[in-house]
Amino acid sequence: MQVAIAGAHGKIAMRLTRRLIARGVAVIGLIRNPAHAEDIRAIGAQPVVCDLERASVADISAAITGSSAAVFAAGAGPGSGAERKLTTDRDGAIKLLAACASADVGRYLIISSIGAENPPDRDDVFGVYLRAKAEADAAVEASDRDWTIVRPGRLTDDPGRGRVRVDVEPFHGEVPRDDVAAVLDALLQRPRASQVTLYVNAGEHPVEDALDALLGKQTS
């Protein structure tokens, strides 16, 4: 199995990559900054410089060819303006989705956000960010890929507990990035997790149990 991760130098993406490599999954790490290539290589993945804001769908398709799944973990990041929320969080996700169709990558996971289910109609950066996420999610939902949308609450760098609450209905909370990575890793092993939007926060149930209770005990 090979997984392509967009935004591979991000905090969740690096954690997910380590998990995948540990269980023998090959990882293609798409990065914007060439200076990050050695960090990706050091954890066992293959870095590919591919700036989703500027690359064509054909370029992205070539980068991810041979993968069975793609994960959109990219983002404009803190301090970026409203325009980059649209070009990265929305347009980048949609380009990767189109590239998956072109390259016959069947599985598509996207990290979204709580609030994307009902984004505010205002023009501040956070409002634009949530609308960008909502529009990307809508494109994913309309696609023919085996998609999963993951909407965590407030992200923290606290050590992961391996215990979460997962639901198909929105709820607020916070969750360590470690545990979001664990959820993504588990979802990649669960074909039943297709065509579903999941809300994730810290909770009391082990990741595997929380997902199995919600989705059923089917694994790849």
C-alpha atoms as a PDB file:
ATOM      1  CA  MET A   1       0.000   0.000   0.000  1.00  0.00           C
ATOM      2  CA  GLN A   2       1.139   3.538  -0.741  1.00  0.00           C
ATOM      3  CA  VAL A   3      -0.405   6.691   0.709  1.00  0.00           C
ATOM      4  CA  ALA A   4       0.152  10.207  -0.617  1.00  0.00           C
ATOM      5  CA  ILE A   5      -0.023  12.980   1.976  1.00  0.00           C
ATOM      6  CA  ALA A   6      -0.430  16.610   0.923  1.00  0.00           C
ATOM      7  CA  GLY A   7       1.011  19.064   3.415  1.00  0.00           C
ATOM      8  CA  ALA A   8       3.395  16.356   4.552  1.00  0.00           C
ATOM      9  CA  HIS A   9       5.500  18.620   6.758  1.00  0.00           C
ATOM     10  CA  GLY A  10       2.521  19.641   8.867  1.00  0.00           C
ATOM     11  CA  LYS A  11       2.128  18.583  12.473  1.00  0.00           C
ATOM     12  CA  ILE A  12      -0.644  16.029  11.907  1.00  0.00           C
ATOM     13  CA  ALA A  13       0.899  14.796   8.655  1.00  0.00           C
ATOM     14  CA  MET A  14       4.276  14.062  10.243  1.00  0.00           C
ATOM     15  CA  ARG A  15       2.597  12.109  13.011  1.00  0.00           C
ATOM     16  CA  LEU A  16       0.500  10.168  10.509  1.00  0.00           C
ATOM     17  CA  THR A  17       3.547   9.425   8.357  1.00  0.00           C
ATOM     18  CA  ARG A  18       5.415   7.909  11.289  1.00  0.00           C
ATOM     19  CA  ARG A  19       2.447   5.653  12.018  1.00  0.00           C
ATOM     20  CA  LEU A  20       2.116   4.510   8.424  1.00  0.00           C
ATOM     21  CA  ILE A  21       5.830   3.833   8.013  1.00  0.00           C
ATOM     22  CA  ALA A  22       5.829   1.851  11.271  1.00  0.00           C
ATOM     23  CA  ARG A  23       3.274  -0.562   9.856  1.00  0.00           C
ATOM     24  CA  GLY A  24       5.018  -0.927   6.515  1.00  0.00           C
ATOM     25  CA  VAL A  25       3.013   1.512   4.393  1.00  0.00           C
ATOM     26  CA  ALA A  26       4.941   3.499   1.777  1.00  0.00           C
ATOM     27  CA  VAL A  27       4.339   7.258   1.977  1.00  0.00           C
ATOM     28  CA  ILE A  28       4.709   9.947  -0.671  1.00  0.00           C
ATOM     29  CA  GLY A  29       4.979  13.302   1.095  1.00  0.00           C
ATOM     30  CA  LEU A  30       3.916  16.319  -0.967  1.00  0.00           C
ATOM     31  CA  ILE A  31       5.625  19.482   0.265  1.00  0.00           C
ATOM     32  CA  ARG A  32       5.734  23.101  -0.879  1.00  0.00           C
ATOM     33  CA  ASN A  33       9.137  23.999   0.573  1.00  0.00           C
ATOM     34  CA  PRO A  34      12.164  22.031  -0.732  1.00  0.00           C
ATOM     35  CA  ALA A  35      13.947  22.730   2.558  1.00  0.00           C
ATOM     36  CA  HIS A  36      11.513  20.320   4.246  1.00  0.00           C
ATOM     37  CA  ALA A  37      12.495  17.363   2.077  1.00  0.00           C
ATOM     38  CA  GLU A  38      15.145  16.034   4.438  1.00  0.00           C
ATOM     39  CA  ASP A  39      12.716  16.042   7.390  1.00  0.00           C
ATOM     40  CA  ILE A  40      10.293  13.921   5.359  1.00  0.00           C
ATOM     41  CA  ARG A  41      13.035  11.578   4.218  1.00  0.00           C
ATOM     42  CA  ALA A  42      14.332  11.219   7.773  1.00  0.00           C
ATOM     43  CA  ILE A  43      11.080   9.621   8.959  1.00  0.00           C
ATOM     44  CA  GLY A  44      11.029   7.151   6.083  1.00  0.00           C
ATOM     45  CA  ALA A  45       8.793   8.804   3.493  1.00  0.00           C
ATOM     46  CA  GLN A  46       9.570   9.903  -0.056  1.00  0.00           C
ATOM     47  CA  PRO A  47       9.368  13.704  -0.368  1.00  0.00           C
ATOM     48  CA  VAL A  48       7.992  15.257  -3.553  1.00  0.00           C
ATOM     49  CA  VAL A  49       8.069  19.015  -4.032  1.00  0.00           C
ATOM     50  CA  CYS A  50       4.595  19.857  -5.306  1.00  0.00           C
ATOM     51  CA  ASP A  51       3.049  23.206  -4.374  1.00  0.00           C
ATOM     52  CA  LEU A  52      -0.699  22.641  -4.588  1.00  0.00           C
ATOM     53  CA  GLU A  53      -1.340  26.354  -5.011  1.00  0.00           C
ATOM     54  CA  ARG A  54       0.711  26.489  -8.215  1.00  0.00           C
ATOM     55  CA  ALA A  55       0.845  22.929  -9.527  1.00  0.00           C
ATOM     56  CA  SER A  56      -1.554  21.750 -12.199  1.00  0.00           C
ATOM     57  CA  VAL A  57      -3.842  18.789 -11.668  1.00  0.00           C
ATOM     58  CA  ALA A  58      -1.629  16.880 -14.107  1.00  0.00           C
ATOM     59  CA  ASP A  59       1.461  17.682 -11.998  1.00  0.00           C
ATOM     60  CA  ILE A  60      -0.238  16.484  -8.824  1.00  0.00           C
ATOM     61  CA  SER A  61      -1.565  13.394 -10.571  1.00  0.00           C
ATOM     62  CA  ALA A  62       1.955  12.471 -11.671  1.00  0.00           C
ATOM     63  CA  ALA A  63       3.224  12.904  -8.100  1.00  0.00           C
ATOM     64  CA  ILE A  64       0.624  10.590  -6.536  1.00  0.00           C
ATOM     65  CA  THR A  65       0.378   7.918  -9.257  1.00  0.00           C
ATOM     66  CA  GLY A  66       0.658   4.459  -7.744  1.00  0.00           C
ATOM     67  CA  SER A  67      -0.958   5.444  -4.450  1.00  0.00           C
ATOM     68  CA  SER A  68      -4.086   3.717  -3.204  1.00  0.00           C
ATOM     69  CA  ALA A  69      -5.054   6.603  -0.910  1.00  0.00           C
ATOM     70  CA  ALA A  70      -4.444  10.330  -0.543  1.00  0.00           C
ATOM     71  CA  VAL A  71      -4.725  12.476   2.576  1.00  0.00           C
ATOM     72  CA  PHE A  72      -5.225  16.231   2.381  1.00  0.00           C
ATOM     73  CA  ALA A  73      -3.440  17.563   5.457  1.00  0.00           C
ATOM     74  CA  ALA A  74      -2.308  20.854   3.926  1.00  0.00           C
ATOM     75  CA  GLY A  75      -3.333  24.298   5.079  1.00  0.00           C
ATOM     76  CA  ALA A  76      -2.387  27.919   4.697  1.00  0.00           C
ATOM     77  CA  GLY A  77      -1.495  27.966   8.379  1.00  0.00           C
ATOM     78  CA  PRO A  78      -1.640  30.597  11.146  1.00  0.00           C
ATOM     79  CA  GLY A  79      -0.864  34.130  10.065  1.00  0.00           C
ATOM     80  CA  SER A  80      -1.913  33.614   6.456  1.00  0.00           C
ATOM     81  CA  GLY A  81      -4.521  35.887   4.951  1.00  0.00           C
ATOM     82  CA  ALA A  82      -7.978  35.127   3.646  1.00  0.00           C
ATOM     83  CA  GLU A  83      -6.785  34.700   0.050  1.00  0.00           C
ATOM     84  CA  ARG A  84      -4.510  31.800   0.947  1.00  0.00           C
ATOM     85  CA  LYS A  85      -7.305  30.095   2.852  1.00  0.00           C
ATOM     86  CA  LEU A  86      -9.058  29.900  -0.507  1.00  0.00           C
ATOM     87  CA  THR A  87      -6.055  28.945  -2.639  1.00  0.00           C
ATOM     88  CA  THR A  88      -4.775  26.306  -0.208  1.00  0.00           C
ATOM     89  CA  ASP A  89      -7.544  25.030   2.062  1.00  0.00           C
ATOM     90  CA  ARG A  90     -10.177  25.068  -0.688  1.00  0.00           C
ATOM     91  CA  ASP A  91      -8.496  25.024  -4.088  1.00  0.00           C
ATOM     92  CA  GLY A  92      -5.589  22.801  -3.039  1.00  0.00           C
ATOM     93  CA  ALA A  93      -7.971  20.201  -1.647  1.00  0.00           C
ATOM     94  CA  ILE A  94     -10.073  20.269  -4.812  1.00  0.00           C
ATOM     95  CA  LYS A  95      -6.983  19.962  -7.031  1.00  0.00           C
ATOM     96  CA  LEU A  96      -5.807  16.938  -5.066  1.00  0.00           C
ATOM     97  CA  LEU A  97      -9.277  15.437  -5.409  1.00  0.00           C
ATOM     98  CA  ALA A  98      -9.195  15.922  -9.196  1.00  0.00           C
ATOM     99  CA  ALA A  99      -5.700  14.440  -9.301  1.00  0.00           C
ATOM    100  CA  CYS A 100      -6.966  11.371  -7.439  1.00  0.00           C
ATOM    101  CA  ALA A 101      -9.574  10.827 -10.145  1.00  0.00           C
ATOM    102  CA  SER A 102      -6.974  11.290 -12.878  1.00  0.00           C
ATOM    103  CA  ALA A 103      -4.442   8.956 -11.231  1.00  0.00           C
ATOM    104  CA  ASP A 104      -7.063   6.378 -10.181  1.00  0.00           C
ATOM    105  CA  VAL A 105      -6.430   6.888  -6.468  1.00  0.00           C
ATOM    106  CA  GLY A 106      -9.617   5.560  -4.942  1.00  0.00           C
ATOM    107  CA  ARG A 107      -9.404   6.634  -1.296  1.00  0.00           C
ATOM    108  CA  TYR A 108      -9.425  10.293  -0.213  1.00  0.00           C
ATOM    109  CA  LEU A 109      -9.248  11.596   3.358  1.00  0.00           C
ATOM    110  CA  ILE A 110      -9.413  15.282   4.182  1.00  0.00           C
ATOM    111  CA  ILE A 111      -8.763  17.064   7.463  1.00  0.00           C
ATOM    112  CA  SER A 112     -11.477  19.692   7.789  1.00  0.00           C
ATOM    113  CA  SER A 113     -12.714  21.548  10.877  1.00  0.00           C
ATOM    114  CA  ILE A 114     -15.625  21.759  13.239  1.00  0.00           C
ATOM    115  CA  GLY A 115     -17.692  24.707  12.015  1.00  0.00           C
ATOM    116  CA  ALA A 116     -17.432  23.790   8.341  1.00  0.00           C
ATOM    117  CA  GLU A 117     -20.918  22.304   8.579  1.00  0.00           C
ATOM    118  CA  ASN A 118     -22.336  25.809   9.099  1.00  0.00           C
ATOM    119  CA  PRO A 119     -19.704  28.406   8.199  1.00  0.00           C
ATOM    120  CA  PRO A 120     -20.299  32.038   9.148  1.00  0.00           C
ATOM    121  CA  ASP A 121     -21.179  34.606   6.513  1.00  0.00           C
ATOM    122  CA  ARG A 122     -18.458  37.110   7.367  1.00  0.00           C
ATOM    123  CA  ASP A 123     -15.214  38.239   5.779  1.00  0.00           C
ATOM    124  CA  ASP A 124     -12.711  37.921   8.605  1.00  0.00           C
ATOM    125  CA  VAL A 125      -9.941  35.367   8.093  1.00  0.00           C
ATOM    126  CA  PHE A 126     -11.524  32.674  10.263  1.00  0.00           C
ATOM    127  CA  GLY A 127     -14.880  33.066   8.530  1.00  0.00           C
ATOM    128  CA  VAL A 128     -13.216  32.713   5.122  1.00  0.00           C
ATOM    129  CA  TYR A 129     -11.259  29.700   6.414  1.00  0.00           C
ATOM    130  CA  LEU A 130     -14.421  27.884   7.473  1.00  0.00           C
ATOM    131  CA  ARG A 131     -16.133  28.672   4.174  1.00  0.00           C
ATOM    132  CA  ALA A 132     -13.062  27.419   2.309  1.00  0.00           C
ATOM    133  CA  LYS A 133     -13.227  24.186   4.287  1.00  0.00           C
ATOM    134  CA  ALA A 134     -16.971  23.899   3.660  1.00  0.00           C
ATOM    135  CA  GLU A 135     -16.544  24.360  -0.095  1.00  0.00           C
ATOM    136  CA  ALA A 136     -13.727  21.818  -0.237  1.00  0.00           C
ATOM    137  CA  ASP A 137     -15.812  19.352   1.754  1.00  0.00           C
ATOM    138  CA  ALA A 138     -18.769  19.863  -0.591  1.00  0.00           C
ATOM    139  CA  ALA A 139     -16.576  19.004  -3.577  1.00  0.00           C
ATOM    140  CA  VAL A 140     -15.355  15.888  -1.791  1.00  0.00           C
ATOM    141  CA  GLU A 141     -18.901  14.805  -0.946  1.00  0.00           C
ATOM    142  CA  ALA A 142     -19.942  15.209  -4.592  1.00  0.00           C
ATOM    143  CA  SER A 143     -17.020  13.134  -5.881  1.00  0.00           C
ATOM    144  CA  ASP A 144     -16.925   9.460  -6.791  1.00  0.00           C
ATOM    145  CA  ARG A 145     -13.924   8.731  -4.543  1.00  0.00           C
ATOM    146  CA  ASP A 146     -14.132   6.636  -1.374  1.00  0.00           C
ATOM    147  CA  TRP A 147     -13.932   9.729   0.777  1.00  0.00           C
ATOM    148  CA  THR A 148     -13.882  10.479   4.481  1.00  0.00           C
ATOM    149  CA  ILE A 149     -14.049  13.980   5.953  1.00  0.00           C
ATOM    150  CA  VAL A 150     -12.542  14.392   9.433  1.00  0.00           C
ATOM    151  CA  ARG A 151     -13.593  17.476  11.404  1.00  0.00           C
ATOM    152  CA  PRO A 152     -11.630  17.796  14.645  1.00  0.00           C
ATOM    153  CA  GLY A 153     -12.190  20.416  17.292  1.00  0.00           C
ATOM    154  CA  ARG A 154      -9.460  22.657  18.646  1.00  0.00           C
ATOM    155  CA  LEU A 155      -6.093  21.016  18.002  1.00  0.00           C
ATOM    156  CA  THR A 156      -3.471  20.760  20.730  1.00  0.00           C
ATOM    157  CA  ASP A 157       0.108  19.525  20.968  1.00  0.00           C
ATOM    158  CA  ASP A 158      -0.621  17.642  24.191  1.00  0.00           C
ATOM    159  CA  PRO A 159       0.562  14.033  24.189  1.00  0.00           C
ATOM    160  CA  GLY A 160      -2.008  11.742  22.652  1.00  0.00           C
ATOM    161  CA  ARG A 161      -4.044   9.535  24.954  1.00  0.00           C
ATOM    162  CA  GLY A 162      -5.282   7.202  22.233  1.00  0.00           C
ATOM    163  CA  ARG A 163      -8.823   7.878  23.452  1.00  0.00           C
ATOM    164  CA  VAL A 164     -11.364   9.856  21.484  1.00  0.00           C
ATOM    165  CA  ARG A 165     -14.991  10.584  20.917  1.00  0.00           C
ATOM    166  CA  VAL A 166     -16.127  10.192  17.306  1.00  0.00           C
ATOM    167  CA  ASP A 167     -19.566  11.153  16.025  1.00  0.00           C
ATOM    168  CA  VAL A 168     -21.381  11.959  12.799  1.00  0.00           C
ATOM    169  CA  GLU A 169     -23.050  14.943  14.481  1.00  0.00           C
ATOM    170  CA  PRO A 170     -21.122  18.147  15.295  1.00  0.00           C
ATOM    171  CA  PHE A 171     -19.819  18.644  18.816  1.00  0.00           C
ATOM    172  CA  HIS A 172     -17.174  20.953  20.219  1.00  0.00           C
ATOM    173  CA  GLY A 173     -14.058  20.101  22.171  1.00  0.00           C
ATOM    174  CA  GLU A 174     -10.335  19.755  21.728  1.00  0.00           C
ATOM    175  CA  VAL A 175      -8.090  16.903  20.644  1.00  0.00           C
ATOM    176  CA  PRO A 176      -4.330  16.266  20.513  1.00  0.00           C
ATOM    177  CA  ARG A 177      -2.827  16.130  17.039  1.00  0.00           C
ATOM    178  CA  ASP A 178      -1.394  12.730  18.014  1.00  0.00           C
ATOM    179  CA  ASP A 179      -4.914  11.358  18.329  1.00  0.00           C
ATOM    180  CA  VAL A 180      -6.120  12.899  15.059  1.00  0.00           C
ATOM    181  CA  ALA A 181      -3.223  11.120  13.334  1.00  0.00           C
ATOM    182  CA  ALA A 182      -4.247   7.879  15.045  1.00  0.00           C
ATOM    183  CA  VAL A 183      -7.816   8.307  13.785  1.00  0.00           C
ATOM    184  CA  LEU A 184      -6.613   8.937  10.218  1.00  0.00           C
ATOM    185  CA  ASP A 185      -4.380   5.872  10.348  1.00  0.00           C
ATOM    186  CA  ALA A 186      -7.255   3.731  11.583  1.00  0.00           C
ATOM    187  CA  LEU A 187      -9.620   5.112   8.921  1.00  0.00           C
ATOM    188  CA  LEU A 188      -7.203   4.154   6.167  1.00  0.00           C
ATOM    189  CA  GLN A 189      -7.627   0.562   7.343  1.00  0.00           C
ATOM    190  CA  ARG A 190     -11.440   0.707   7.365  1.00  0.00           C
ATOM    191  CA  PRO A 191     -13.287   0.501   4.039  1.00  0.00           C
ATOM    192  CA  ARG A 192     -16.563   1.030   5.902  1.00  0.00           C
ATOM    193  CA  ALA A 193     -15.388   4.567   6.680  1.00  0.00           C
ATOM    194  CA  SER A 194     -16.245   5.698   3.150  1.00  0.00           C
ATOM    195  CA  GLN A 195     -18.742   8.471   2.324  1.00  0.00           C
ATOM    196  CA  VAL A 196     -18.938   9.710   5.899  1.00  0.00           C
ATOM    197  CA  THR A 197     -18.113  12.909   7.771  1.00  0.00           C
ATOM    198  CA  LEU A 198     -16.730  12.370  11.261  1.00  0.00           C
ATOM    199  CA  TYR A 199     -16.324  14.791  14.163  1.00  0.00           C
ATOM    200  CA  VAL A 200     -13.403  13.962  16.451  1.00  0.00           C
ATOM    201  CA  ASN A 201     -12.397  15.207  19.877  1.00  0.00           C
ATOM    202  CA  ALA A 202     -10.773  13.812  22.988  1.00  0.00           C
ATOM    203  CA  GLY A 203     -12.916  11.215  24.715  1.00  0.00           C
ATOM    204  CA  GLU A 204     -12.914   8.053  26.763  1.00  0.00           C
ATOM    205  CA  HIS A 205     -12.830   5.310  24.128  1.00  0.00           C
ATOM    206  CA  PRO A 206      -9.751   3.844  22.427  1.00  0.00           C
ATOM    207  CA  VAL A 207      -9.540   4.978  18.792  1.00  0.00           C
ATOM    208  CA  GLU A 208     -10.213   1.535  17.351  1.00  0.00           C
ATOM    209  CA  ASP A 209     -13.212   0.952  19.619  1.00  0.00           C
ATOM    210  CA  ALA A 210     -14.687   4.393  18.937  1.00  0.00           C
ATOM    211  CA  LEU A 211     -14.529   3.865  15.191  1.00  0.00           C
ATOM    212  CA  ASP A 212     -15.773   0.293  15.298  1.00  0.00           C
ATOM    213  CA  ALA A 213     -18.734   1.297  17.445  1.00  0.00           C
ATOM    214  CA  LEU A 214     -19.695   4.002  14.978  1.00  0.00           C
ATOM    215  CA  LEU A 215     -18.818   2.350  11.668  1.00  0.00           C
ATOM    216  CA  GLY A 216     -18.934  -1.369  12.358  1.00  0.00           C
ATOM    217  CA  LYS A 217     -16.135  -3.865  12.750  1.00  0.00           C
ATOM    218  CA  GLN A 218     -14.848  -4.032   9.183  1.00  0.00           C
ATOM    219  CA  THR A 219     -11.184  -3.611   8.357  1.00  0.00           C
ATOM    220  CA  SER A 220      -9.236  -3.933   5.126  1.00  0.00           C
END
